[in-house]
Amino acid sequence: MSERLRRWAAGLRRDWRRHLGTLALFATVLLAVQAWQTRHVTGGPLPAAALDAPLPVLDATGALRQSSLRAELAALQRAHPGQNVGLYVWADWCPICKTIQGTVDGVAADHPVITVAMQSGPPAAVGRYLQTRGLAWHTLVDPRSQLSRALGFGAVPAFAVITPQGELRWPTVGLTSGWGLRLRLWLAR
């Protein structure tokens, strides 16, 4: 087995340029797919249609109230002055969303995050889903995708950063890592 490992390592050293080219091609394709998936996301200032849409909100304790993204952002920005806020759009029917729940939970432990439950049913159903999964997320319930559409997100999971100035930056759609989410929060400064 060690002879086999030595041969593999020797081949890797010999062909490193070819492997580097393959990695560059993979990164280019990945970035192109991300750009295509987020082509409708409104970068820059958040649109009024997204900020002022009245939606049910479940706080981390599961309490339900009516609010808007504008009011929820203002409250988070008062509690975390000068910090970027993560915006995570998910759905209970999305298998990839289930895969990255722990990742988002970890990021939410370190950074302010608002989640949006897109097309996941009424607030009671979203609340039950969060409770059974042990997720104490600050969640806007968006049963008809009005907020998601106003922001330009047509697929889930989606993540973006909202700066203290109210600008949407670094959107991504699909499977992502915790370090990728944290990097976006850091880069948007």
N, C-alpha and C. Protein backbone atom coordinates (compact mmCIF):
# COMPACT_ATOMS: atom_id res chain seq x y z
N MET A 1 0.83 -1.20 0.00
CA MET A 1 0.00 0.00 0.00
C MET A 1 0.87 1.25 0.00
N SER A 2 1.97 1.26 0.72
CA SER A 2 2.81 2.45 0.75
C SER A 2 3.48 2.69 -0.61
N GLU A 3 3.79 1.63 -1.35
CA GLU A 3 4.35 1.77 -2.70
C GLU A 3 3.32 2.44 -3.61
N ARG A 4 2.10 2.04 -3.47
CA ARG A 4 1.02 2.62 -4.27
C ARG A 4 0.85 4.11 -3.95
N LEU A 5 0.94 4.45 -2.70
CA LEU A 5 0.84 5.84 -2.26
C LEU A 5 2.01 6.66 -2.80
N ARG A 6 3.21 6.10 -2.78
CA ARG A 6 4.39 6.79 -3.32
C ARG A 6 4.24 7.05 -4.82
N ARG A 7 3.71 6.07 -5.55
CA ARG A 7 3.51 6.25 -6.99
C ARG A 7 2.48 7.35 -7.25
N TRP A 8 1.42 7.36 -6.47
CA TRP A 8 0.38 8.39 -6.62
C TRP A 8 0.97 9.78 -6.36
N ALA A 9 1.77 9.91 -5.27
CA ALA A 9 2.37 11.19 -4.92
C ALA A 9 3.36 11.64 -6.01
N ALA A 10 4.12 10.71 -6.55
CA ALA A 10 5.07 11.04 -7.62
C ALA A 10 4.31 11.53 -8.86
N GLY A 11 3.21 10.87 -9.19
CA GLY A 11 2.40 11.30 -10.33
C GLY A 11 1.80 12.67 -10.10
N LEU A 12 1.39 12.93 -8.88
CA LEU A 12 0.82 14.23 -8.54
C LEU A 12 1.87 15.33 -8.69
N ARG A 13 3.08 15.09 -8.22
CA ARG A 13 4.16 16.08 -8.36
C ARG A 13 4.49 16.31 -9.83
N ARG A 14 4.50 15.25 -10.60
CA ARG A 14 4.84 15.33 -12.02
C ARG A 14 3.75 16.09 -12.81
N ASP A 15 2.49 15.87 -12.48
CA ASP A 15 1.38 16.41 -13.26
C ASP A 15 0.66 17.59 -12.58
N TRP A 16 1.33 18.30 -11.70
CA TRP A 16 0.65 19.34 -10.91
C TRP A 16 0.06 20.44 -11.79
N ARG A 17 0.70 20.76 -12.90
CA ARG A 17 0.17 21.83 -13.77
C ARG A 17 -1.17 21.41 -14.38
N ARG A 18 -1.25 20.17 -14.79
CA ARG A 18 -2.50 19.68 -15.37
C ARG A 18 -3.60 19.69 -14.31
N HIS A 19 -3.26 19.31 -13.08
CA HIS A 19 -4.25 19.33 -12.00
C HIS A 19 -4.67 20.76 -11.66
N LEU A 20 -3.71 21.67 -11.71
CA LEU A 20 -4.03 23.06 -11.45
C LEU A 20 -5.00 23.60 -12.51
N GLY A 21 -4.78 23.21 -13.75
CA GLY A 21 -5.69 23.60 -14.83
C GLY A 21 -7.09 23.04 -14.62
N THR A 22 -7.17 21.80 -14.15
CA THR A 22 -8.47 21.18 -13.88
C THR A 22 -9.18 21.93 -12.75
N LEU A 23 -8.43 22.28 -11.70
CA LEU A 23 -9.02 23.04 -10.59
C LEU A 23 -9.50 24.41 -11.05
N ALA A 24 -8.71 25.08 -11.90
CA ALA A 24 -9.11 26.39 -12.43
C ALA A 24 -10.38 26.27 -13.27
N LEU A 25 -10.47 25.24 -14.08
CA LEU A 25 -11.67 25.01 -14.89
C LEU A 25 -12.88 24.76 -13.99
N PHE A 26 -12.72 23.93 -12.96
CA PHE A 26 -13.80 23.64 -12.03
C PHE A 26 -14.27 24.93 -11.33
N ALA A 27 -13.32 25.75 -10.87
CA ALA A 27 -13.67 27.01 -10.20
C ALA A 27 -14.41 27.95 -11.15
N THR A 28 -13.97 28.02 -12.40
CA THR A 28 -14.63 28.88 -13.39
C THR A 28 -16.07 28.44 -13.64
N VAL A 29 -16.26 27.13 -13.80
CA VAL A 29 -17.62 26.60 -14.02
C VAL A 29 -18.49 26.89 -12.80
N LEU A 30 -17.96 26.66 -11.61
CA LEU A 30 -18.71 26.91 -10.37
C LEU A 30 -19.13 28.37 -10.27
N LEU A 31 -18.20 29.28 -10.54
CA LEU A 31 -18.52 30.71 -10.47
C LEU A 31 -19.53 31.11 -11.55
N ALA A 32 -19.43 30.53 -12.72
CA ALA A 32 -20.38 30.83 -13.80
C ALA A 32 -21.79 30.36 -13.42
N VAL A 33 -21.90 29.20 -12.82
CA VAL A 33 -23.20 28.68 -12.40
C VAL A 33 -23.79 29.58 -11.31
N GLN A 34 -22.96 30.01 -10.34
CA GLN A 34 -23.43 30.91 -9.28
C GLN A 34 -23.92 32.23 -9.88
N ALA A 35 -23.16 32.76 -10.83
CA ALA A 35 -23.56 34.03 -11.46
C ALA A 35 -24.91 33.86 -12.18
N TRP A 36 -25.10 32.76 -12.85
CA TRP A 36 -26.36 32.52 -13.56
C TRP A 36 -27.51 32.36 -12.56
N GLN A 37 -27.28 31.62 -11.47
CA GLN A 37 -28.35 31.38 -10.49
C GLN A 37 -28.76 32.65 -9.75
N THR A 38 -27.86 33.59 -9.62
CA THR A 38 -28.16 34.82 -8.87
C THR A 38 -28.34 36.02 -9.79
N ARG A 39 -28.57 35.78 -11.07
CA ARG A 39 -28.66 36.87 -12.05
C ARG A 39 -29.83 37.81 -11.79
N HIS A 40 -30.88 37.37 -11.12
CA HIS A 40 -32.03 38.22 -10.84
C HIS A 40 -31.98 38.86 -9.45
N VAL A 41 -30.97 38.54 -8.67
CA VAL A 41 -30.86 39.10 -7.32
C VAL A 41 -30.47 40.57 -7.42
N THR A 42 -31.22 41.38 -6.73
CA THR A 42 -30.98 42.82 -6.77
C THR A 42 -29.84 43.16 -5.82
N GLY A 43 -28.69 43.44 -6.37
CA GLY A 43 -27.58 43.89 -5.54
C GLY A 43 -27.77 45.35 -5.19
N GLY A 44 -27.08 45.82 -4.21
CA GLY A 44 -27.20 47.22 -3.81
C GLY A 44 -28.33 47.42 -2.82
N PRO A 45 -28.93 48.60 -2.82
CA PRO A 45 -29.99 48.89 -1.84
C PRO A 45 -31.16 47.92 -1.97
N LEU A 46 -31.68 47.50 -0.84
CA LEU A 46 -32.83 46.59 -0.85
C LEU A 46 -34.06 47.28 -1.41
N PRO A 47 -34.81 46.61 -2.28
CA PRO A 47 -36.01 47.24 -2.85
C PRO A 47 -37.10 47.41 -1.80
N ALA A 48 -37.86 48.48 -1.93
CA ALA A 48 -38.95 48.76 -0.98
C ALA A 48 -39.96 47.61 -0.94
N ALA A 49 -40.19 46.96 -2.09
CA ALA A 49 -41.14 45.83 -2.12
C ALA A 49 -40.70 44.72 -1.19
N ALA A 50 -39.40 44.53 -1.05
CA ALA A 50 -38.89 43.50 -0.14
C ALA A 50 -38.90 43.99 1.30
N LEU A 51 -38.54 45.25 1.50
CA LEU A 51 -38.43 45.78 2.85
C LEU A 51 -39.78 45.93 3.55
N ASP A 52 -40.81 46.30 2.79
CA ASP A 52 -42.08 46.67 3.42
C ASP A 52 -43.19 45.65 3.32
N ALA A 53 -42.93 44.49 2.74
CA ALA A 53 -43.96 43.45 2.64
C ALA A 53 -44.33 42.96 4.04
N PRO A 54 -45.61 43.05 4.42
CA PRO A 54 -46.00 42.56 5.75
C PRO A 54 -46.00 41.03 5.77
N LEU A 55 -45.25 40.47 6.70
CA LEU A 55 -45.13 39.01 6.79
C LEU A 55 -45.19 38.57 8.25
N PRO A 56 -45.66 37.34 8.48
CA PRO A 56 -45.57 36.78 9.83
C PRO A 56 -44.11 36.49 10.16
N VAL A 57 -43.75 36.70 11.42
CA VAL A 57 -42.38 36.47 11.89
C VAL A 57 -42.43 35.55 13.10
N LEU A 58 -41.57 34.55 13.08
CA LEU A 58 -41.36 33.69 14.25
C LEU A 58 -40.01 34.06 14.83
N ASP A 59 -39.98 34.46 16.10
CA ASP A 59 -38.67 34.77 16.67
C ASP A 59 -38.02 33.48 17.17
N ALA A 60 -36.85 33.60 17.75
CA ALA A 60 -36.08 32.43 18.18
C ALA A 60 -36.82 31.58 19.22
N THR A 61 -37.77 32.18 19.93
CA THR A 61 -38.53 31.43 20.93
C THR A 61 -39.77 30.77 20.33
N GLY A 62 -40.08 31.12 19.07
CA GLY A 62 -41.27 30.58 18.42
C GLY A 62 -42.48 31.48 18.51
N ALA A 63 -42.32 32.65 19.15
CA ALA A 63 -43.43 33.59 19.26
C ALA A 63 -43.74 34.18 17.89
N LEU A 64 -45.03 34.33 17.59
CA LEU A 64 -45.48 34.80 16.28
C LEU A 64 -45.97 36.24 16.37
N ARG A 65 -45.56 37.04 15.38
CA ARG A 65 -46.07 38.41 15.27
C ARG A 65 -46.02 38.83 13.80
N GLN A 66 -46.66 39.91 13.45
CA GLN A 66 -46.67 40.47 12.10
C GLN A 66 -45.57 41.53 12.06
N SER A 67 -44.80 41.56 10.99
CA SER A 67 -43.74 42.55 10.86
C SER A 67 -43.34 42.66 9.39
N SER A 68 -42.17 43.24 9.16
CA SER A 68 -41.62 43.37 7.80
C SER A 68 -40.10 43.20 7.89
N LEU A 69 -39.49 42.98 6.75
CA LEU A 69 -38.03 42.85 6.73
C LEU A 69 -37.38 44.13 7.24
N ARG A 70 -37.94 45.29 6.89
CA ARG A 70 -37.39 46.57 7.36
C ARG A 70 -37.36 46.63 8.89
N ALA A 71 -38.48 46.29 9.52
CA ALA A 71 -38.55 46.35 10.98
C ALA A 71 -37.62 45.32 11.63
N GLU A 72 -37.56 44.12 11.07
CA GLU A 72 -36.71 43.08 11.65
C GLU A 72 -35.22 43.42 11.49
N LEU A 73 -34.85 43.99 10.34
CA LEU A 73 -33.46 44.42 10.13
C LEU A 73 -33.10 45.53 11.10
N ALA A 74 -34.00 46.48 11.27
CA ALA A 74 -33.74 47.59 12.19
C ALA A 74 -33.50 47.08 13.61
N ALA A 75 -34.31 46.12 14.04
CA ALA A 75 -34.14 45.56 15.39
C ALA A 75 -32.80 44.82 15.51
N LEU A 76 -32.45 44.03 14.50
CA LEU A 76 -31.17 43.31 14.54
C LEU A 76 -29.99 44.28 14.49
N GLN A 77 -30.11 45.34 13.70
CA GLN A 77 -29.01 46.30 13.60
C GLN A 77 -28.85 47.11 14.88
N ARG A 78 -29.95 47.33 15.61
CA ARG A 78 -29.83 47.98 16.92
C ARG A 78 -29.13 47.04 17.91
N ALA A 79 -29.45 45.75 17.83
CA ALA A 79 -28.83 44.78 18.74
C ALA A 79 -27.38 44.47 18.37
N HIS A 80 -27.03 44.64 17.10
CA HIS A 80 -25.68 44.33 16.61
C HIS A 80 -25.18 45.49 15.74
N PRO A 81 -24.91 46.66 16.37
CA PRO A 81 -24.55 47.84 15.57
C PRO A 81 -23.28 47.62 14.74
N GLY A 82 -23.35 48.07 13.48
CA GLY A 82 -22.20 48.00 12.60
C GLY A 82 -21.91 46.64 12.01
N GLN A 83 -22.69 45.62 12.35
CA GLN A 83 -22.43 44.28 11.82
C GLN A 83 -23.30 43.99 10.61
N ASN A 84 -22.76 43.17 9.72
CA ASN A 84 -23.53 42.67 8.60
C ASN A 84 -24.53 41.64 9.10
N VAL A 85 -25.64 41.51 8.40
CA VAL A 85 -26.68 40.54 8.76
C VAL A 85 -26.77 39.51 7.63
N GLY A 86 -26.75 38.25 7.99
CA GLY A 86 -26.93 37.19 7.00
C GLY A 86 -28.41 37.01 6.71
N LEU A 87 -28.74 36.79 5.46
CA LEU A 87 -30.11 36.51 5.04
C LEU A 87 -30.11 35.13 4.40
N TYR A 88 -30.84 34.21 5.01
CA TYR A 88 -30.88 32.82 4.53
C TYR A 88 -32.30 32.48 4.10
N VAL A 89 -32.49 32.15 2.82
CA VAL A 89 -33.80 31.78 2.28
C VAL A 89 -33.82 30.27 2.12
N TRP A 90 -34.82 29.62 2.72
CA TRP A 90 -34.88 28.16 2.74
C TRP A 90 -36.32 27.69 2.58
N ALA A 91 -36.49 26.39 2.44
CA ALA A 91 -37.83 25.79 2.38
C ALA A 91 -37.80 24.44 3.07
N ASP A 92 -38.92 24.07 3.69
CA ASP A 92 -38.97 22.79 4.41
C ASP A 92 -38.93 21.60 3.47
N TRP A 93 -39.27 21.78 2.21
CA TRP A 93 -39.30 20.70 1.23
C TRP A 93 -37.97 20.55 0.49
N CYS A 94 -37.00 21.39 0.78
CA CYS A 94 -35.72 21.43 0.07
C CYS A 94 -34.70 20.50 0.73
N PRO A 95 -34.24 19.45 0.04
CA PRO A 95 -33.28 18.53 0.65
C PRO A 95 -31.91 19.17 0.92
N ILE A 96 -31.48 20.09 0.07
CA ILE A 96 -30.19 20.74 0.31
C ILE A 96 -30.28 21.66 1.52
N CYS A 97 -31.45 22.30 1.71
CA CYS A 97 -31.65 23.15 2.88
C CYS A 97 -31.48 22.33 4.16
N LYS A 98 -32.02 21.12 4.16
CA LYS A 98 -31.88 20.23 5.32
C LYS A 98 -30.42 19.88 5.55
N THR A 99 -29.67 19.71 4.46
CA THR A 99 -28.27 19.35 4.57
C THR A 99 -27.44 20.44 5.23
N ILE A 100 -27.75 21.70 4.95
CA ILE A 100 -26.93 22.79 5.49
C ILE A 100 -27.53 23.48 6.72
N GLN A 101 -28.57 22.89 7.32
CA GLN A 101 -29.17 23.49 8.51
C GLN A 101 -28.15 23.68 9.63
N GLY A 102 -27.32 22.68 9.86
CA GLY A 102 -26.30 22.79 10.91
C GLY A 102 -25.29 23.88 10.61
N THR A 103 -24.96 24.03 9.35
CA THR A 103 -24.02 25.08 8.93
C THR A 103 -24.61 26.45 9.21
N VAL A 104 -25.86 26.65 8.82
CA VAL A 104 -26.52 27.94 9.04
C VAL A 104 -26.68 28.19 10.54
N ASP A 105 -27.02 27.16 11.28
CA ASP A 105 -27.15 27.27 12.74
C ASP A 105 -25.82 27.72 13.36
N GLY A 106 -24.72 27.16 12.88
CA GLY A 106 -23.40 27.55 13.38
C GLY A 106 -23.06 29.00 13.06
N VAL A 107 -23.39 29.44 11.85
CA VAL A 107 -23.14 30.83 11.47
C VAL A 107 -24.03 31.76 12.30
N ALA A 108 -25.29 31.35 12.52
CA ALA A 108 -26.22 32.17 13.30
C ALA A 108 -25.79 32.29 14.77
N ALA A 109 -24.99 31.35 15.24
CA ALA A 109 -24.48 31.45 16.61
C ALA A 109 -23.42 32.54 16.73
N ASP A 110 -22.76 32.87 15.61
CA ASP A 110 -21.68 33.86 15.63
C ASP A 110 -22.05 35.20 15.01
N HIS A 111 -23.07 35.23 14.18
CA HIS A 111 -23.44 36.44 13.43
C HIS A 111 -24.96 36.60 13.45
N PRO A 112 -25.45 37.85 13.34
CA PRO A 112 -26.90 38.02 13.21
C PRO A 112 -27.38 37.48 11.87
N VAL A 113 -28.42 36.64 11.90
CA VAL A 113 -28.97 36.03 10.70
C VAL A 113 -30.49 36.08 10.77
N ILE A 114 -31.10 36.48 9.65
CA ILE A 114 -32.56 36.40 9.48
C ILE A 114 -32.80 35.31 8.46
N THR A 115 -33.75 34.43 8.73
CA THR A 115 -34.08 33.41 7.75
C THR A 115 -35.46 33.69 7.17
N VAL A 116 -35.66 33.21 5.95
CA VAL A 116 -36.93 33.37 5.27
C VAL A 116 -37.40 31.99 4.84
N ALA A 117 -38.55 31.55 5.38
CA ALA A 117 -39.13 30.26 5.01
C ALA A 117 -40.00 30.47 3.78
N MET A 118 -39.46 30.09 2.61
CA MET A 118 -40.15 30.31 1.34
C MET A 118 -41.03 29.11 1.01
N GLN A 119 -42.30 29.35 0.72
CA GLN A 119 -43.25 28.31 0.31
C GLN A 119 -43.23 27.09 1.23
N SER A 120 -43.22 27.34 2.53
CA SER A 120 -43.17 26.25 3.50
C SER A 120 -44.43 26.14 4.33
N GLY A 121 -45.49 26.79 3.90
CA GLY A 121 -46.76 26.69 4.60
C GLY A 121 -47.02 27.85 5.53
N PRO A 122 -48.09 27.75 6.31
CA PRO A 122 -48.45 28.82 7.24
C PRO A 122 -47.48 28.87 8.42
N PRO A 123 -47.52 29.94 9.19
CA PRO A 123 -46.60 30.10 10.32
C PRO A 123 -46.61 28.92 11.30
N ALA A 124 -47.78 28.34 11.56
CA ALA A 124 -47.84 27.21 12.51
C ALA A 124 -47.03 26.02 12.00
N ALA A 125 -47.12 25.74 10.70
CA ALA A 125 -46.37 24.63 10.12
C ALA A 125 -44.87 24.91 10.14
N VAL A 126 -44.48 26.15 9.84
CA VAL A 126 -43.06 26.52 9.88
C VAL A 126 -42.55 26.43 11.31
N GLY A 127 -43.35 26.89 12.26
CA GLY A 127 -42.97 26.81 13.67
C GLY A 127 -42.77 25.38 14.13
N ARG A 128 -43.67 24.48 13.73
CA ARG A 128 -43.51 23.06 14.07
C ARG A 128 -42.25 22.48 13.45
N TYR A 129 -42.00 22.83 12.20
CA TYR A 129 -40.80 22.34 11.51
C TYR A 129 -39.53 22.78 12.26
N LEU A 130 -39.46 24.07 12.59
CA LEU A 130 -38.29 24.58 13.31
C LEU A 130 -38.14 23.89 14.66
N GLN A 131 -39.25 23.71 15.35
CA GLN A 131 -39.21 23.09 16.68
C GLN A 131 -38.76 21.64 16.60
N THR A 132 -39.29 20.87 15.66
CA THR A 132 -38.89 19.45 15.57
C THR A 132 -37.43 19.30 15.17
N ARG A 133 -36.89 20.27 14.46
CA ARG A 133 -35.48 20.22 14.05
C ARG A 133 -34.56 20.88 15.08
N GLY A 134 -35.14 21.48 16.13
CA GLY A 134 -34.32 22.12 17.16
C GLY A 134 -33.65 23.41 16.67
N LEU A 135 -34.31 24.12 15.78
CA LEU A 135 -33.75 25.34 15.20
C LEU A 135 -34.40 26.57 15.83
N ALA A 136 -33.61 27.40 16.48
CA ALA A 136 -34.11 28.62 17.11
C ALA A 136 -33.78 29.81 16.19
N TRP A 137 -34.37 29.78 15.00
CA TRP A 137 -34.08 30.81 14.00
C TRP A 137 -35.10 31.94 14.05
N HIS A 138 -34.62 33.13 13.75
CA HIS A 138 -35.45 34.32 13.56
C HIS A 138 -35.96 34.22 12.11
N THR A 139 -37.25 33.89 11.92
CA THR A 139 -37.75 33.50 10.59
C THR A 139 -38.94 34.33 10.14
N LEU A 140 -38.81 34.89 8.93
CA LEU A 140 -39.94 35.51 8.26
C LEU A 140 -40.61 34.42 7.44
N VAL A 141 -41.91 34.28 7.56
CA VAL A 141 -42.66 33.25 6.84
C VAL A 141 -43.17 33.88 5.54
N ASP A 142 -42.72 33.32 4.42
CA ASP A 142 -43.01 33.86 3.09
C ASP A 142 -43.74 32.79 2.26
N PRO A 143 -45.03 32.53 2.58
CA PRO A 143 -45.72 31.40 1.95
C PRO A 143 -45.91 31.54 0.44
N ARG A 144 -46.00 32.76 -0.07
CA ARG A 144 -46.21 32.95 -1.51
C ARG A 144 -44.97 33.50 -2.23
N SER A 145 -43.83 33.46 -1.57
CA SER A 145 -42.54 33.90 -2.13
C SER A 145 -42.51 35.38 -2.52
N GLN A 146 -43.33 36.20 -1.90
CA GLN A 146 -43.33 37.62 -2.28
C GLN A 146 -42.01 38.30 -1.90
N LEU A 147 -41.47 38.01 -0.73
CA LEU A 147 -40.20 38.59 -0.32
C LEU A 147 -39.05 38.01 -1.15
N SER A 148 -39.05 36.70 -1.31
CA SER A 148 -38.00 36.04 -2.09
C SER A 148 -37.96 36.56 -3.52
N ARG A 149 -39.13 36.70 -4.14
CA ARG A 149 -39.21 37.21 -5.51
C ARG A 149 -38.73 38.66 -5.59
N ALA A 150 -39.12 39.47 -4.61
CA ALA A 150 -38.72 40.88 -4.61
C ALA A 150 -37.20 41.02 -4.51
N LEU A 151 -36.55 40.07 -3.85
CA LEU A 151 -35.09 40.09 -3.75
C LEU A 151 -34.41 39.44 -4.95
N GLY A 152 -35.17 38.68 -5.74
CA GLY A 152 -34.62 38.04 -6.92
C GLY A 152 -34.24 36.59 -6.73
N PHE A 153 -34.56 36.01 -5.58
CA PHE A 153 -34.24 34.60 -5.34
C PHE A 153 -35.37 33.72 -5.85
N GLY A 154 -35.06 32.84 -6.79
CA GLY A 154 -36.06 31.93 -7.31
C GLY A 154 -35.81 30.50 -6.90
N ALA A 155 -34.71 30.25 -6.20
CA ALA A 155 -34.36 28.90 -5.78
C ALA A 155 -33.83 28.94 -4.35
N VAL A 156 -33.86 27.80 -3.71
CA VAL A 156 -33.35 27.66 -2.36
C VAL A 156 -32.38 26.49 -2.31
N PRO A 157 -31.49 26.46 -1.36
CA PRO A 157 -31.19 27.49 -0.36
C PRO A 157 -30.45 28.66 -1.00
N ALA A 158 -30.69 29.83 -0.43
CA ALA A 158 -30.03 31.04 -0.89
C ALA A 158 -29.51 31.80 0.33
N PHE A 159 -28.39 32.45 0.15
CA PHE A 159 -27.80 33.22 1.24
C PHE A 159 -27.26 34.52 0.66
N ALA A 160 -27.40 35.60 1.40
CA ALA A 160 -26.84 36.88 1.00
C ALA A 160 -26.50 37.65 2.28
N VAL A 161 -25.79 38.73 2.10
CA VAL A 161 -25.40 39.58 3.22
C VAL A 161 -26.10 40.92 3.07
N ILE A 162 -26.63 41.42 4.17
CA ILE A 162 -27.21 42.77 4.20
C ILE A 162 -26.28 43.62 5.06
N THR A 163 -25.74 44.66 4.46
CA THR A 163 -24.79 45.53 5.17
C THR A 163 -25.54 46.47 6.12
N PRO A 164 -24.83 47.11 7.05
CA PRO A 164 -25.49 48.08 7.93
C PRO A 164 -26.14 49.24 7.15
N GLN A 165 -25.67 49.48 5.92
CA GLN A 165 -26.26 50.54 5.09
C GLN A 165 -27.50 50.05 4.33
N GLY A 166 -27.88 48.78 4.52
CA GLY A 166 -29.07 48.25 3.87
C GLY A 166 -28.86 47.77 2.45
N GLU A 167 -27.62 47.39 2.11
CA GLU A 167 -27.33 46.89 0.77
C GLU A 167 -27.21 45.37 0.78
N LEU A 168 -27.70 44.75 -0.27
CA LEU A 168 -27.62 43.30 -0.43
C LEU A 168 -26.35 42.97 -1.21
N ARG A 169 -25.52 42.09 -0.63
CA ARG A 169 -24.25 41.74 -1.27
C ARG A 169 -24.00 40.25 -1.18
N TRP A 170 -23.10 39.75 -2.04
CA TRP A 170 -22.58 38.39 -2.03
C TRP A 170 -23.64 37.30 -2.02
N PRO A 171 -24.63 37.37 -2.92
CA PRO A 171 -25.65 36.33 -2.94
C PRO A 171 -25.09 35.00 -3.45
N THR A 172 -25.63 33.93 -2.94
CA THR A 172 -25.28 32.59 -3.41
C THR A 172 -26.53 31.72 -3.36
N VAL A 173 -26.59 30.75 -4.24
CA VAL A 173 -27.70 29.81 -4.27
C VAL A 173 -27.12 28.41 -4.32
N GLY A 174 -27.69 27.52 -3.53
CA GLY A 174 -27.25 26.12 -3.55
C GLY A 174 -26.42 25.76 -2.34
N LEU A 175 -25.81 24.61 -2.43
CA LEU A 175 -24.99 24.08 -1.36
C LEU A 175 -23.80 24.98 -1.11
N THR A 176 -23.55 25.31 0.13
CA THR A 176 -22.42 26.16 0.49
C THR A 176 -21.88 25.73 1.83
N SER A 177 -20.70 26.21 2.16
CA SER A 177 -20.04 25.80 3.41
C SER A 177 -20.12 26.91 4.45
N GLY A 178 -19.85 26.54 5.68
CA GLY A 178 -19.84 27.52 6.76
C GLY A 178 -18.77 28.57 6.56
N TRP A 179 -17.59 28.14 6.11
CA TRP A 179 -16.53 29.13 5.88
C TRP A 179 -16.90 30.03 4.70
N GLY A 180 -17.63 29.50 3.72
CA GLY A 180 -18.08 30.33 2.60
C GLY A 180 -19.07 31.39 3.06
N LEU A 181 -19.99 31.01 3.95
CA LEU A 181 -20.96 31.98 4.49
C LEU A 181 -20.26 33.03 5.34
N ARG A 182 -19.33 32.58 6.19
CA ARG A 182 -18.59 33.52 7.04
C ARG A 182 -17.73 34.46 6.20
N LEU A 183 -17.10 33.93 5.14
CA LEU A 183 -16.30 34.76 4.26
C LEU A 183 -17.15 35.85 3.60
N ARG A 184 -18.36 35.50 3.17
CA ARG A 184 -19.26 36.50 2.59
C ARG A 184 -19.60 37.59 3.60
N LEU A 185 -19.88 37.19 4.84
CA LEU A 185 -20.19 38.18 5.88
C LEU A 185 -18.99 39.09 6.12
N TRP A 186 -17.80 38.56 6.07
CA TRP A 186 -16.58 39.35 6.30
C TRP A 186 -16.29 40.26 5.10
N LEU A 187 -16.42 39.73 3.88
CA LEU A 187 -16.10 40.48 2.67
C LEU A 187 -17.04 41.68 2.44
N ALA A 188 -18.24 41.60 2.94
CA ALA A 188 -19.23 42.67 2.70
C ALA A 188 -18.97 43.90 3.56
N ARG A 189 -17.94 43.90 4.34
CA ARG A 189 -17.65 45.07 5.20
C ARG A 189 -17.26 46.26 4.41
